[in-house]
């Protein structure tokens, strides 16, 4: 088993590093995975799969024809490192990374609020 690495500074406002340590190579805090691109908040819809969660991101879309906003949402599959513990209903911050699998292109960076 390799030695545990120190926690990296991701320089993302409002996100604190986890207190636990892990040996997951796809962890942005303790592994080699780099976070780039979009960073967004969402609610954990499903946390049933191993190391993968489904996050629902709600946003407003402006419809120019009717000159009003409508609510939309998208479901994002995100990698969940071993050092971060979440349950369904938690509000989390996810960041874009390189593709980890066919559908997983985001990683959970931290928990904003627990349910």
PDB file of N, CA and C in Angstrom:
ATOM      1  N   UNK A   1       0.846  -1.168   0.000  1.00  0.00           N
ATOM      2  CA  UNK A   1       0.000   0.000   0.000  1.00  0.00           C
ATOM      3  C   UNK A   1       0.896   1.237   0.000  1.00  0.00           C
ATOM      4  N   UNK A   2       0.675   2.188  -0.919  1.00  0.00           N
ATOM      5  CA  UNK A   2       1.537   3.372  -0.956  1.00  0.00           C
ATOM      6  C   UNK A   2       1.278   4.279   0.236  1.00  0.00           C
ATOM      7  N   UNK A   3       2.230   5.130   0.523  1.00  0.00           N
ATOM      8  CA  UNK A   3       2.098   6.067   1.632  1.00  0.00           C
ATOM      9  C   UNK A   3       1.037   7.107   1.316  1.00  0.00           C
ATOM     10  N   UNK A   4       0.360   7.581   2.367  1.00  0.00           N
ATOM     11  CA  UNK A   4      -0.682   8.582   2.182  1.00  0.00           C
ATOM     12  C   UNK A   4      -0.058   9.927   1.826  1.00  0.00           C
ATOM     13  N   UNK A   5      -0.646  10.595   0.850  1.00  0.00           N
ATOM     14  CA  UNK A   5      -0.140  11.882   0.415  1.00  0.00           C
ATOM     15  C   UNK A   5      -0.744  12.990   1.256  1.00  0.00           C
ATOM     16  N   UNK A   6      -0.122  14.141   1.223  1.00  0.00           N
ATOM     17  CA  UNK A   6      -0.662  15.315   1.886  1.00  0.00           C
ATOM     18  C   UNK A   6      -1.857  15.837   1.082  1.00  0.00           C
ATOM     19  N   UNK A   7      -2.682  16.618   1.717  1.00  0.00           N
ATOM     20  CA  UNK A   7      -3.859  17.182   1.054  1.00  0.00           C
ATOM     21  C   UNK A   7      -3.417  18.325   0.149  1.00  0.00           C
ATOM     22  N   UNK A   8      -3.886  18.281  -1.112  1.00  0.00           N
ATOM     23  CA  UNK A   8      -3.588  19.353  -2.065  1.00  0.00           C
ATOM     24  C   UNK A   8      -4.516  20.535  -1.832  1.00  0.00           C
ATOM     25  N   UNK A   9      -4.075  21.707  -2.214  1.00  0.00           N
ATOM     26  CA  UNK A   9      -4.896  22.908  -2.143  1.00  0.00           C
ATOM     27  C   UNK A   9      -5.513  23.128  -3.515  1.00  0.00           C
ATOM     28  N   UNK A  10      -6.848  22.958  -3.611  1.00  0.00           N
ATOM     29  CA  UNK A  10      -7.524  23.100  -4.895  1.00  0.00           C
ATOM     30  C   UNK A  10      -7.878  24.542  -5.228  1.00  0.00           C
ATOM     31  N   UNK A  11      -7.786  25.447  -4.248  1.00  0.00           N
ATOM     32  CA  UNK A  11      -8.057  26.871  -4.443  1.00  0.00           C
ATOM     33  C   UNK A  11      -9.461  27.122  -4.989  1.00  0.00           C
ATOM     34  N   UNK A  12     -10.440  26.405  -4.425  1.00  0.00           N
ATOM     35  CA  UNK A  12     -11.836  26.590  -4.803  1.00  0.00           C
ATOM     36  C   UNK A  12     -12.540  27.231  -3.617  1.00  0.00           C
ATOM     37  N   UNK A  13     -13.110  28.424  -3.787  1.00  0.00           N
ATOM     38  CA  UNK A  13     -13.729  29.110  -2.645  1.00  0.00           C
ATOM     39  C   UNK A  13     -14.940  28.349  -2.114  1.00  0.00           C
ATOM     40  N   UNK A  14     -15.043  28.290  -0.798  1.00  0.00           N
ATOM     41  CA  UNK A  14     -16.180  27.653  -0.149  1.00  0.00           C
ATOM     42  C   UNK A  14     -16.075  26.154   0.007  1.00  0.00           C
ATOM     43  N   UNK A  15     -14.974  25.552  -0.420  1.00  0.00           N
ATOM     44  CA  UNK A  15     -14.808  24.106  -0.309  1.00  0.00           C
ATOM     45  C   UNK A  15     -13.615  23.823   0.595  1.00  0.00           C
ATOM     46  N   UNK A  16     -13.867  23.082   1.672  1.00  0.00           N
ATOM     47  CA  UNK A  16     -12.796  22.730   2.604  1.00  0.00           C
ATOM     48  C   UNK A  16     -12.317  21.316   2.318  1.00  0.00           C
ATOM     49  N   UNK A  17     -11.027  21.040   2.516  1.00  0.00           N
ATOM     50  CA  UNK A  17     -10.537  19.688   2.295  1.00  0.00           C
ATOM     51  C   UNK A  17     -11.117  18.721   3.321  1.00  0.00           C
ATOM     52  N   UNK A  18     -11.269  17.443   2.951  1.00  0.00           N
ATOM     53  CA  UNK A  18     -11.822  16.466   3.889  1.00  0.00           C
ATOM     54  C   UNK A  18     -10.841  16.169   5.019  1.00  0.00           C
ATOM     55  N   UNK A  19     -11.400  15.756   6.172  1.00  0.00           N
ATOM     56  CA  UNK A  19     -10.554  15.437   7.317  1.00  0.00           C
ATOM     57  C   UNK A  19      -9.978  14.039   7.217  1.00  0.00           C
ATOM     58  N   UNK A  20     -10.673  13.126   6.536  1.00  0.00           N
ATOM     59  CA  UNK A  20     -10.167  11.772   6.342  1.00  0.00           C
ATOM     60  C   UNK A  20      -9.153  11.754   5.211  1.00  0.00           C
ATOM     61  N   UNK A  21      -8.327  10.704   5.192  1.00  0.00           N
ATOM     62  CA  UNK A  21      -7.390  10.495   4.093  1.00  0.00           C
ATOM     63  C   UNK A  21      -7.777   9.231   3.354  1.00  0.00           C
ATOM     64  N   UNK A  22      -7.427   9.170   2.076  1.00  0.00           N
ATOM     65  CA  UNK A  22      -7.774   7.997   1.271  1.00  0.00           C
ATOM     66  C   UNK A  22      -6.642   7.677   0.305  1.00  0.00           C
ATOM     67  N   UNK A  23      -6.726   6.496  -0.275  1.00  0.00           N
ATOM     68  CA  UNK A  23      -5.741   6.053  -1.264  1.00  0.00           C
ATOM     69  C   UNK A  23      -6.343   5.971  -2.657  1.00  0.00           C
ATOM     70  N   UNK A  24      -7.447   6.669  -2.884  1.00  0.00           N
ATOM     71  CA  UNK A  24      -8.124   6.647  -4.177  1.00  0.00           C
ATOM     72  C   UNK A  24      -7.314   7.470  -5.177  1.00  0.00           C
ATOM     73  N   UNK A  25      -6.863   6.887  -6.292  1.00  0.00           N
ATOM     74  CA  UNK A  25      -6.092   7.667  -7.272  1.00  0.00           C
ATOM     75  C   UNK A  25      -6.940   8.716  -7.976  1.00  0.00           C
ATOM     76  N   UNK A  26      -8.270   8.559  -7.980  1.00  0.00           N
ATOM     77  CA  UNK A  26      -9.162   9.530  -8.613  1.00  0.00           C
ATOM     78  C   UNK A  26      -9.729  10.525  -7.607  1.00  0.00           C
ATOM     79  N   UNK A  27      -9.017  10.762  -6.524  1.00  0.00           N
ATOM     80  CA  UNK A  27      -9.421  11.761  -5.538  1.00  0.00           C
ATOM     81  C   UNK A  27      -8.696  13.065  -5.849  1.00  0.00           C
ATOM     82  N   UNK A  28      -9.423  14.198  -5.954  1.00  0.00           N
ATOM     83  CA  UNK A  28      -8.737  15.457  -6.249  1.00  0.00           C
ATOM     84  C   UNK A  28      -7.908  15.964  -5.070  1.00  0.00           C
ATOM     85  N   UNK A  29      -8.190  15.505  -3.857  1.00  0.00           N
ATOM     86  CA  UNK A  29      -7.469  15.967  -2.670  1.00  0.00           C
ATOM     87  C   UNK A  29      -6.213  15.143  -2.401  1.00  0.00           C
ATOM     88  N   UNK A  30      -6.300  13.811  -2.556  1.00  0.00           N
ATOM     89  CA  UNK A  30      -5.182  12.937  -2.183  1.00  0.00           C
ATOM     90  C   UNK A  30      -4.587  12.187  -3.370  1.00  0.00           C
ATOM     91  N   UNK A  31      -5.249  12.198  -4.511  1.00  0.00           N
ATOM     92  CA  UNK A  31      -4.781  11.461  -5.680  1.00  0.00           C
ATOM     93  C   UNK A  31      -4.185  12.384  -6.729  1.00  0.00           C
ATOM     94  N   UNK A  32      -4.265  11.931  -7.981  1.00  0.00           N
ATOM     95  CA  UNK A  32      -3.651  12.670  -9.078  1.00  0.00           C
ATOM     96  C   UNK A  32      -4.666  13.318 -10.009  1.00  0.00           C
ATOM     97  N   UNK A  33      -5.950  13.271  -9.665  1.00  0.00           N
ATOM     98  CA  UNK A  33      -6.990  13.808 -10.526  1.00  0.00           C
ATOM     99  C   UNK A  33      -7.010  15.335 -10.463  1.00  0.00           C
ATOM    100  N   UNK A  34      -7.018  15.979 -11.630  1.00  0.00           N
ATOM    101  CA  UNK A  34      -7.041  17.436 -11.696  1.00  0.00           C
ATOM    102  C   UNK A  34      -8.457  17.913 -11.980  1.00  0.00           C
ATOM    103  N   UNK A  35      -8.847  19.026 -11.335  1.00  0.00           N
ATOM    104  CA  UNK A  35     -10.170  19.625 -11.532  1.00  0.00           C
ATOM    105  C   UNK A  35     -10.008  20.797 -12.477  1.00  0.00           C
ATOM    106  N   UNK A  36     -10.825  20.830 -13.551  1.00  0.00           N
ATOM    107  CA  UNK A  36     -10.762  21.909 -14.517  1.00  0.00           C
ATOM    108  C   UNK A  36     -12.155  22.121 -15.069  1.00  0.00           C
ATOM    109  N   UNK A  37     -12.430  23.301 -15.531  1.00  0.00           N
ATOM    110  CA  UNK A  37     -13.720  23.556 -16.159  1.00  0.00           C
ATOM    111  C   UNK A  37     -14.781  23.999 -15.173  1.00  0.00           C
ATOM    112  N   UNK A  38     -15.954  23.429 -15.306  1.00  0.00           N
ATOM    113  CA  UNK A  38     -17.140  23.868 -14.572  1.00  0.00           C
ATOM    114  C   UNK A  38     -17.108  23.369 -13.133  1.00  0.00           C
ATOM    115  N   UNK A  39     -17.523  24.239 -12.199  1.00  0.00           N
ATOM    116  CA  UNK A  39     -17.740  23.861 -10.807  1.00  0.00           C
ATOM    117  C   UNK A  39     -19.159  24.280 -10.466  1.00  0.00           C
ATOM    118  N   UNK A  40     -19.976  23.346  -9.960  1.00  0.00           N
ATOM    119  CA  UNK A  40     -21.376  23.662  -9.679  1.00  0.00           C
ATOM    120  C   UNK A  40     -21.864  22.940  -8.434  1.00  0.00           C
ATOM    121  N   UNK A  41     -23.000  23.396  -7.935  1.00  0.00           N
ATOM    122  CA  UNK A  41     -23.637  22.785  -6.771  1.00  0.00           C
ATOM    123  C   UNK A  41     -24.822  21.961  -7.231  1.00  0.00           C
ATOM    124  N   UNK A  42     -25.175  20.962  -6.408  1.00  0.00           N
ATOM    125  CA  UNK A  42     -26.340  20.151  -6.706  1.00  0.00           C
ATOM    126  C   UNK A  42     -26.738  19.316  -5.509  1.00  0.00           C
ATOM    127  N   UNK A  43     -27.863  18.651  -5.650  1.00  0.00           N
ATOM    128  CA  UNK A  43     -28.404  17.791  -4.596  1.00  0.00           C
ATOM    129  C   UNK A  43     -28.159  16.344  -4.991  1.00  0.00           C
ATOM    130  N   UNK A  44     -27.705  15.521  -4.041  1.00  0.00           N
ATOM    131  CA  UNK A  44     -27.451  14.112  -4.320  1.00  0.00           C
ATOM    132  C   UNK A  44     -28.787  13.400  -4.468  1.00  0.00           C
ATOM    133  N   UNK A  45     -29.058  12.877  -5.667  1.00  0.00           N
ATOM    134  CA  UNK A  45     -30.283  12.130  -5.928  1.00  0.00           C
ATOM    135  C   UNK A  45     -30.131  10.673  -5.522  1.00  0.00           C
ATOM    136  N   UNK A  46     -29.051  10.055  -5.967  1.00  0.00           N
ATOM    137  CA  UNK A  46     -28.817   8.640  -5.675  1.00  0.00           C
ATOM    138  C   UNK A  46     -27.381   8.449  -5.225  1.00  0.00           C
ATOM    139  N   UNK A  47     -27.215   7.625  -4.213  1.00  0.00           N
ATOM    140  CA  UNK A  47     -25.872   7.283  -3.725  1.00  0.00           C
ATOM    141  C   UNK A  47     -25.798   5.787  -3.505  1.00  0.00           C
ATOM    142  N   UNK A  48     -26.231   5.021  -4.491  1.00  0.00           N
ATOM    143  CA  UNK A  48     -26.309   3.565  -4.341  1.00  0.00           C
ATOM    144  C   UNK A  48     -25.105   2.836  -4.913  1.00  0.00           C
ATOM    145  N   UNK A  49     -24.540   3.370  -5.989  1.00  0.00           N
ATOM    146  CA  UNK A  49     -23.410   2.700  -6.626  1.00  0.00           C
ATOM    147  C   UNK A  49     -22.131   2.939  -5.826  1.00  0.00           C
ATOM    148  N   UNK A  50     -21.165   2.081  -6.014  1.00  0.00           N
ATOM    149  CA  UNK A  50     -19.887   2.194  -5.314  1.00  0.00           C
ATOM    150  C   UNK A  50     -19.057   3.296  -5.953  1.00  0.00           C
ATOM    151  N   UNK A  51     -18.682   4.301  -5.155  1.00  0.00           N
ATOM    152  CA  UNK A  51     -17.857   5.431  -5.583  1.00  0.00           C
ATOM    153  C   UNK A  51     -18.484   6.290  -6.676  1.00  0.00           C
ATOM    154  N   UNK A  52     -19.803   6.228  -6.865  1.00  0.00           N
ATOM    155  CA  UNK A  52     -20.475   7.058  -7.860  1.00  0.00           C
ATOM    156  C   UNK A  52     -21.787   7.566  -7.277  1.00  0.00           C
ATOM    157  N   UNK A  53     -22.089   8.838  -7.503  1.00  0.00           N
ATOM    158  CA  UNK A  53     -23.359   9.412  -7.085  1.00  0.00           C
ATOM    159  C   UNK A  53     -23.993  10.117  -8.273  1.00  0.00           C
ATOM    160  N   UNK A  54     -25.316  10.296  -8.197  1.00  0.00           N
ATOM    161  CA  UNK A  54     -26.048  11.062  -9.198  1.00  0.00           C
ATOM    162  C   UNK A  54     -26.453  12.364  -8.536  1.00  0.00           C
ATOM    163  N   UNK A  55     -26.030  13.493  -9.120  1.00  0.00           N
ATOM    164  CA  UNK A  55     -26.284  14.812  -8.563  1.00  0.00           C
ATOM    165  C   UNK A  55     -27.255  15.547  -9.471  1.00  0.00           C
ATOM    166  N   UNK A  56     -28.313  16.137  -8.887  1.00  0.00           N
ATOM    167  CA  UNK A  56     -29.285  16.915  -9.647  1.00  0.00           C
ATOM    168  C   UNK A  56     -28.930  18.393  -9.526  1.00  0.00           C
ATOM    169  N   UNK A  57     -28.638  19.024 -10.670  1.00  0.00           N
ATOM    170  CA  UNK A  57     -28.292  20.439 -10.710  1.00  0.00           C
ATOM    171  C   UNK A  57     -29.484  21.214 -11.244  1.00  0.00           C
ATOM    172  N   UNK A  58     -30.090  22.074 -10.395  1.00  0.00           N
ATOM    173  CA  UNK A  58     -31.237  22.887 -10.790  1.00  0.00           C
ATOM    174  C   UNK A  58     -30.755  24.270 -11.212  1.00  0.00           C
ATOM    175  N   UNK A  59     -31.338  24.797 -12.283  1.00  0.00           N
ATOM    176  CA  UNK A  59     -30.954  26.121 -12.763  1.00  0.00           C
ATOM    177  C   UNK A  59     -32.135  26.765 -13.452  1.00  0.00           C
ATOM    178  N   UNK A  60     -32.037  28.072 -13.726  1.00  0.00           N
ATOM    179  CA  UNK A  60     -33.086  28.812 -14.418  1.00  0.00           C
ATOM    180  C   UNK A  60     -32.663  29.049 -15.864  1.00  0.00           C
ATOM    181  N   UNK A  61     -33.594  28.879 -16.791  1.00  0.00           N
ATOM    182  CA  UNK A  61     -33.352  29.101 -18.206  1.00  0.00           C
ATOM    183  C   UNK A  61     -34.306  30.196 -18.676  1.00  0.00           C
ATOM    184  N   UNK A  62     -33.777  31.208 -19.354  1.00  0.00           N
ATOM    185  CA  UNK A  62     -34.599  32.308 -19.848  1.00  0.00           C
ATOM    186  C   UNK A  62     -35.148  31.960 -21.220  1.00  0.00           C
ATOM    187  N   UNK A  63     -36.467  31.938 -21.332  1.00  0.00           N
ATOM    188  CA  UNK A  63     -37.134  31.665 -22.596  1.00  0.00           C
ATOM    189  C   UNK A  63     -37.451  33.010 -23.268  1.00  0.00           C
ATOM    190  N   UNK A  64     -36.787  33.294 -24.384  1.00  0.00           N
ATOM    191  CA  UNK A  64     -36.930  34.600 -25.025  1.00  0.00           C
ATOM    192  C   UNK A  64     -38.301  34.804 -25.649  1.00  0.00           C
ATOM    193  N   UNK A  65     -38.914  33.739 -26.112  1.00  0.00           N
ATOM    194  CA  UNK A  65     -40.208  33.890 -26.760  1.00  0.00           C
ATOM    195  C   UNK A  65     -41.269  34.378 -25.775  1.00  0.00           C
ATOM    196  N   UNK A  66     -41.303  33.776 -24.590  1.00  0.00           N
ATOM    197  CA  UNK A  66     -42.311  34.133 -23.596  1.00  0.00           C
ATOM    198  C   UNK A  66     -41.794  35.126 -22.559  1.00  0.00           C
ATOM    199  N   UNK A  67     -40.537  35.521 -22.673  1.00  0.00           N
ATOM    200  CA  UNK A  67     -39.911  36.522 -21.811  1.00  0.00           C
ATOM    201  C   UNK A  67     -40.068  36.200 -20.332  1.00  0.00           C
ATOM    202  N   UNK A  68     -39.727  34.985 -19.999  1.00  0.00           N
ATOM    203  CA  UNK A  68     -39.769  34.581 -18.596  1.00  0.00           C
ATOM    204  C   UNK A  68     -38.797  33.425 -18.371  1.00  0.00           C
ATOM    205  N   UNK A  69     -38.560  33.133 -17.125  1.00  0.00           N
ATOM    206  CA  UNK A  69     -37.643  32.059 -16.767  1.00  0.00           C
ATOM    207  C   UNK A  69     -38.414  30.774 -16.527  1.00  0.00           C
ATOM    208  N   UNK A  70     -37.749  29.657 -16.803  1.00  0.00           N
ATOM    209  CA  UNK A  70     -38.318  28.357 -16.463  1.00  0.00           C
ATOM    210  C   UNK A  70     -37.261  27.549 -15.720  1.00  0.00           C
ATOM    211  N   UNK A  71     -37.744  26.703 -14.823  1.00  0.00           N
ATOM    212  CA  UNK A  71     -36.827  25.862 -14.049  1.00  0.00           C
ATOM    213  C   UNK A  71     -36.440  24.653 -14.875  1.00  0.00           C
ATOM    214  N   UNK A  72     -35.153  24.366 -14.887  1.00  0.00           N
ATOM    215  CA  UNK A  72     -34.649  23.166 -15.545  1.00  0.00           C
ATOM    216  C   UNK A  72     -33.685  22.475 -14.601  1.00  0.00           C
ATOM    217  N   UNK A  73     -33.425  21.215 -14.883  1.00  0.00           N
ATOM    218  CA  UNK A  73     -32.450  20.486 -14.075  1.00  0.00           C
ATOM    219  C   UNK A  73     -31.753  19.466 -14.957  1.00  0.00           C
ATOM    220  N   UNK A  74     -30.540  19.133 -14.557  1.00  0.00           N
ATOM    221  CA  UNK A  74     -29.807  18.081 -15.247  1.00  0.00           C
ATOM    222  C   UNK A  74     -29.232  17.149 -14.213  1.00  0.00           C
ATOM    223  N   UNK A  75     -29.092  15.908 -14.583  1.00  0.00           N
ATOM    224  CA  UNK A  75     -28.554  14.900 -13.674  1.00  0.00           C
ATOM    225  C   UNK A  75     -27.121  14.586 -14.084  1.00  0.00           C
ATOM    226  N   UNK A  76     -26.227  14.688 -13.140  1.00  0.00           N
ATOM    227  CA  UNK A  76     -24.799  14.520 -13.392  1.00  0.00           C
ATOM    228  C   UNK A  76     -24.303  13.314 -12.620  1.00  0.00           C
ATOM    229  N   UNK A  77     -23.589  12.426 -13.295  1.00  0.00           N
ATOM    230  CA  UNK A  77     -22.937  11.314 -12.624  1.00  0.00           C
ATOM    231  C   UNK A  77     -21.562  11.790 -12.177  1.00  0.00           C
ATOM    232  N   UNK A  78     -21.250  11.605 -10.895  1.00  0.00           N
ATOM    233  CA  UNK A  78     -19.995  12.117 -10.348  1.00  0.00           C
ATOM    234  C   UNK A  78     -19.300  11.038  -9.544  1.00  0.00           C
ATOM    235  N   UNK A  79     -17.968  11.047  -9.607  1.00  0.00           N
ATOM    236  CA  UNK A  79     -17.144  10.131  -8.822  1.00  0.00           C
ATOM    237  C   UNK A  79     -17.128  10.597  -7.369  1.00  0.00           C
ATOM    238  N   UNK A  80     -17.247   9.664  -6.430  1.00  0.00           N
ATOM    239  CA  UNK A  80     -17.241   9.979  -5.008  1.00  0.00           C
ATOM    240  C   UNK A  80     -15.996   9.367  -4.378  1.00  0.00           C
ATOM    241  N   UNK A  81     -14.995  10.182  -3.988  1.00  0.00           N
ATOM    242  CA  UNK A  81     -13.793   9.628  -3.346  1.00  0.00           C
ATOM    243  C   UNK A  81     -14.134   9.005  -1.999  1.00  0.00           C
ATOM    244  N   UNK A  82     -13.243   8.117  -1.540  1.00  0.00           N
ATOM    245  CA  UNK A  82     -13.468   7.417  -0.278  1.00  0.00           C
ATOM    246  C   UNK A  82     -13.440   8.359   0.924  1.00  0.00           C
ATOM    247  N   UNK A  83     -12.752   9.485   0.831  1.00  0.00           N
ATOM    248  CA  UNK A  83     -12.588  10.383   1.975  1.00  0.00           C
ATOM    249  C   UNK A  83     -13.784  11.304   2.191  1.00  0.00           C
ATOM    250  N   UNK A  84     -14.751  11.329   1.274  1.00  0.00           N
ATOM    251  CA  UNK A  84     -15.930  12.186   1.399  1.00  0.00           C
ATOM    252  C   UNK A  84     -17.146  11.290   1.572  1.00  0.00           C
ATOM    253  N   UNK A  85     -17.905  11.522   2.628  1.00  0.00           N
ATOM    254  CA  UNK A  85     -19.102  10.733   2.922  1.00  0.00           C
ATOM    255  C   UNK A  85     -20.337  11.585   2.649  1.00  0.00           C
ATOM    256  N   UNK A  86     -21.243  11.086   1.786  1.00  0.00           N
ATOM    257  CA  UNK A  86     -22.484  11.790   1.483  1.00  0.00           C
ATOM    258  C   UNK A  86     -23.642  10.816   1.580  1.00  0.00           C
ATOM    259  N   UNK A  87     -24.830  11.372   1.713  1.00  0.00           N
ATOM    260  CA  UNK A  87     -26.053  10.589   1.658  1.00  0.00           C
ATOM    261  C   UNK A  87     -27.038  11.317   0.757  1.00  0.00           C
ATOM    262  N   UNK A  88     -28.120  10.662   0.422  1.00  0.00           N
ATOM    263  CA  UNK A  88     -29.102  11.247  -0.481  1.00  0.00           C
ATOM    264  C   UNK A  88     -29.725  12.479   0.166  1.00  0.00           C
ATOM    265  N   UNK A  89     -29.829  13.569  -0.598  1.00  0.00           N
ATOM    266  CA  UNK A  89     -30.392  14.813  -0.105  1.00  0.00           C
ATOM    267  C   UNK A  89     -29.350  15.853   0.278  1.00  0.00           C
ATOM    268  N   UNK A  90     -28.079  15.458   0.396  1.00  0.00           N
ATOM    269  CA  UNK A  90     -27.022  16.411   0.734  1.00  0.00           C
ATOM    270  C   UNK A  90     -26.757  17.349  -0.442  1.00  0.00           C
ATOM    271  N   UNK A  91     -26.372  18.585  -0.135  1.00  0.00           N
ATOM    272  CA  UNK A  91     -25.977  19.542  -1.168  1.00  0.00           C
ATOM    273  C   UNK A  91     -24.462  19.478  -1.284  1.00  0.00           C
ATOM    274  N   UNK A  92     -23.968  19.172  -2.482  1.00  0.00           N
ATOM    275  CA  UNK A  92     -22.543  18.973  -2.708  1.00  0.00           C
ATOM    276  C   UNK A  92     -22.033  19.907  -3.790  1.00  0.00           C
ATOM    277  N   UNK A  93     -20.715  20.060  -3.839  1.00  0.00           N
ATOM    278  CA  UNK A  93     -20.039  20.814  -4.886  1.00  0.00           C
ATOM    279  C   UNK A  93     -19.313  19.801  -5.759  1.00  0.00           C
ATOM    280  N   UNK A  94     -19.553  19.862  -7.074  1.00  0.00           N
ATOM    281  CA  UNK A  94     -18.887  18.961  -8.009  1.00  0.00           C
ATOM    282  C   UNK A  94     -18.055  19.777  -8.986  1.00  0.00           C
ATOM    283  N   UNK A  95     -16.959  19.188  -9.453  1.00  0.00           N
ATOM    284  CA  UNK A  95     -16.087  19.844 -10.407  1.00  0.00           C
ATOM    285  C   UNK A  95     -15.820  18.955 -11.600  1.00  0.00           C
ATOM    286  N   UNK A  96     -15.601  19.568 -12.744  1.00  0.00           N
ATOM    287  CA  UNK A  96     -15.360  18.826 -13.976  1.00  0.00           C
ATOM    288  C   UNK A  96     -13.928  18.311 -14.008  1.00  0.00           C
ATOM    289  N   UNK A  97     -13.755  17.101 -14.506  1.00  0.00           N
ATOM    290  CA  UNK A  97     -12.433  16.479 -14.638  1.00  0.00           C
ATOM    291  C   UNK A  97     -12.350  15.794 -15.999  1.00  0.00           C
ATOM    292  N   UNK A  98     -11.277  15.071 -16.184  1.00  0.00           N
ATOM    293  CA  UNK A  98     -11.173  14.234 -17.378  1.00  0.00           C
ATOM    294  C   UNK A  98     -12.192  13.098 -17.247  1.00  0.00           C
ATOM    295  N   UNK A  99     -12.571  12.437 -18.343  1.00  0.00           N
ATOM    296  CA  UNK A  99     -13.521  11.327 -18.229  1.00  0.00           C
ATOM    297  C   UNK A  99     -12.941  10.172 -17.413  1.00  0.00           C
ATOM    298  N   UNK A 100     -13.674   9.771 -16.387  1.00  0.00           N
ATOM    299  CA  UNK A 100     -13.261   8.647 -15.544  1.00  0.00           C
ATOM    300  C   UNK A 100     -13.859   7.356 -16.092  1.00  0.00           C
ATOM    301  N   UNK A 101     -15.072   7.432 -16.630  1.00  0.00           N
ATOM    302  CA  UNK A 101     -15.710   6.295 -17.288  1.00  0.00           C
ATOM    303  C   UNK A 101     -16.576   6.846 -18.420  1.00  0.00           C
ATOM    304  N   UNK A 102     -17.457   6.006 -18.958  1.00  0.00           N
ATOM    305  CA  UNK A 102     -18.284   6.438 -20.083  1.00  0.00           C
ATOM    306  C   UNK A 102     -19.197   7.603 -19.706  1.00  0.00           C
ATOM    307  N   UNK A 103     -19.762   7.584 -18.509  1.00  0.00           N
ATOM    308  CA  UNK A 103     -20.715   8.618 -18.115  1.00  0.00           C
ATOM    309  C   UNK A 103     -20.199   9.540 -17.024  1.00  0.00           C
ATOM    310  N   UNK A 104     -19.124   9.196 -16.348  1.00  0.00           N
ATOM    311  CA  UNK A 104     -18.641   9.982 -15.208  1.00  0.00           C
ATOM    312  C   UNK A 104     -17.551  10.937 -15.671  1.00  0.00           C
ATOM    313  N   UNK A 105     -17.859  12.246 -15.598  1.00  0.00           N
ATOM    314  CA  UNK A 105     -16.889  13.274 -15.984  1.00  0.00           C
ATOM    315  C   UNK A 105     -16.779  14.364 -14.927  1.00  0.00           C
ATOM    316  N   UNK A 106     -17.362  14.127 -13.754  1.00  0.00           N
ATOM    317  CA  UNK A 106     -17.314  15.058 -12.635  1.00  0.00           C
ATOM    318  C   UNK A 106     -16.861  14.317 -11.388  1.00  0.00           C
ATOM    319  N   UNK A 107     -16.407  15.073 -10.382  1.00  0.00           N
ATOM    320  CA  UNK A 107     -15.986  14.492  -9.112  1.00  0.00           C
ATOM    321  C   UNK A 107     -16.544  15.355  -7.991  1.00  0.00           C
ATOM    322  N   UNK A 108     -16.937  14.710  -6.882  1.00  0.00           N
ATOM    323  CA  UNK A 108     -17.452  15.430  -5.728  1.00  0.00           C
ATOM    324  C   UNK A 108     -16.276  16.056  -4.987  1.00  0.00           C
ATOM    325  N   UNK A 109     -16.332  17.376  -4.761  1.00  0.00           N
ATOM    326  CA  UNK A 109     -15.255  18.092  -4.089  1.00  0.00           C
ATOM    327  C   UNK A 109     -15.516  18.276  -2.603  1.00  0.00           C
ATOM    328  N   UNK A 110     -16.769  18.377  -2.223  1.00  0.00           N
ATOM    329  CA  UNK A 110     -17.095  18.564  -0.816  1.00  0.00           C
ATOM    330  C   UNK A 110     -18.588  18.676  -0.597  1.00  0.00           C
ATOM    331  N   UNK A 111     -18.969  18.676   0.687  1.00  0.00           N
ATOM    332  CA  UNK A 111     -20.368  18.770   1.070  1.00  0.00           C
ATOM    333  C   UNK A 111     -20.625  20.177   1.599  1.00  0.00           C
ATOM    334  N   UNK A 112     -21.626  20.866   1.038  1.00  0.00           N
ATOM    335  CA  UNK A 112     -22.001  22.194   1.517  1.00  0.00           C
ATOM    336  C   UNK A 112     -22.932  22.099   2.714  1.00  0.00           C
ATOM    337  N   UNK A 113     -23.986  21.248   2.612  1.00  0.00           N
ATOM    338  CA  UNK A 113     -24.943  21.103   3.690  1.00  0.00           C
ATOM    339  C   UNK A 113     -25.456  19.678   3.748  1.00  0.00           C
ATOM    340  N   UNK A 114     -25.498  19.126   4.930  1.00  0.00           N
ATOM    341  CA  UNK A 114     -26.001  17.760   5.123  1.00  0.00           C
ATOM    342  C   UNK A 114     -27.463  17.789   5.513  1.00  0.00           C
ATOM    343  N   UNK A 115     -28.159  16.721   5.157  1.00  0.00           N
ATOM    344  CA  UNK A 115     -29.584  16.609   5.509  1.00  0.00           C
ATOM    345  C   UNK A 115     -29.736  15.747   6.738  1.00  0.00           C
TER     346      UNK A 115
END
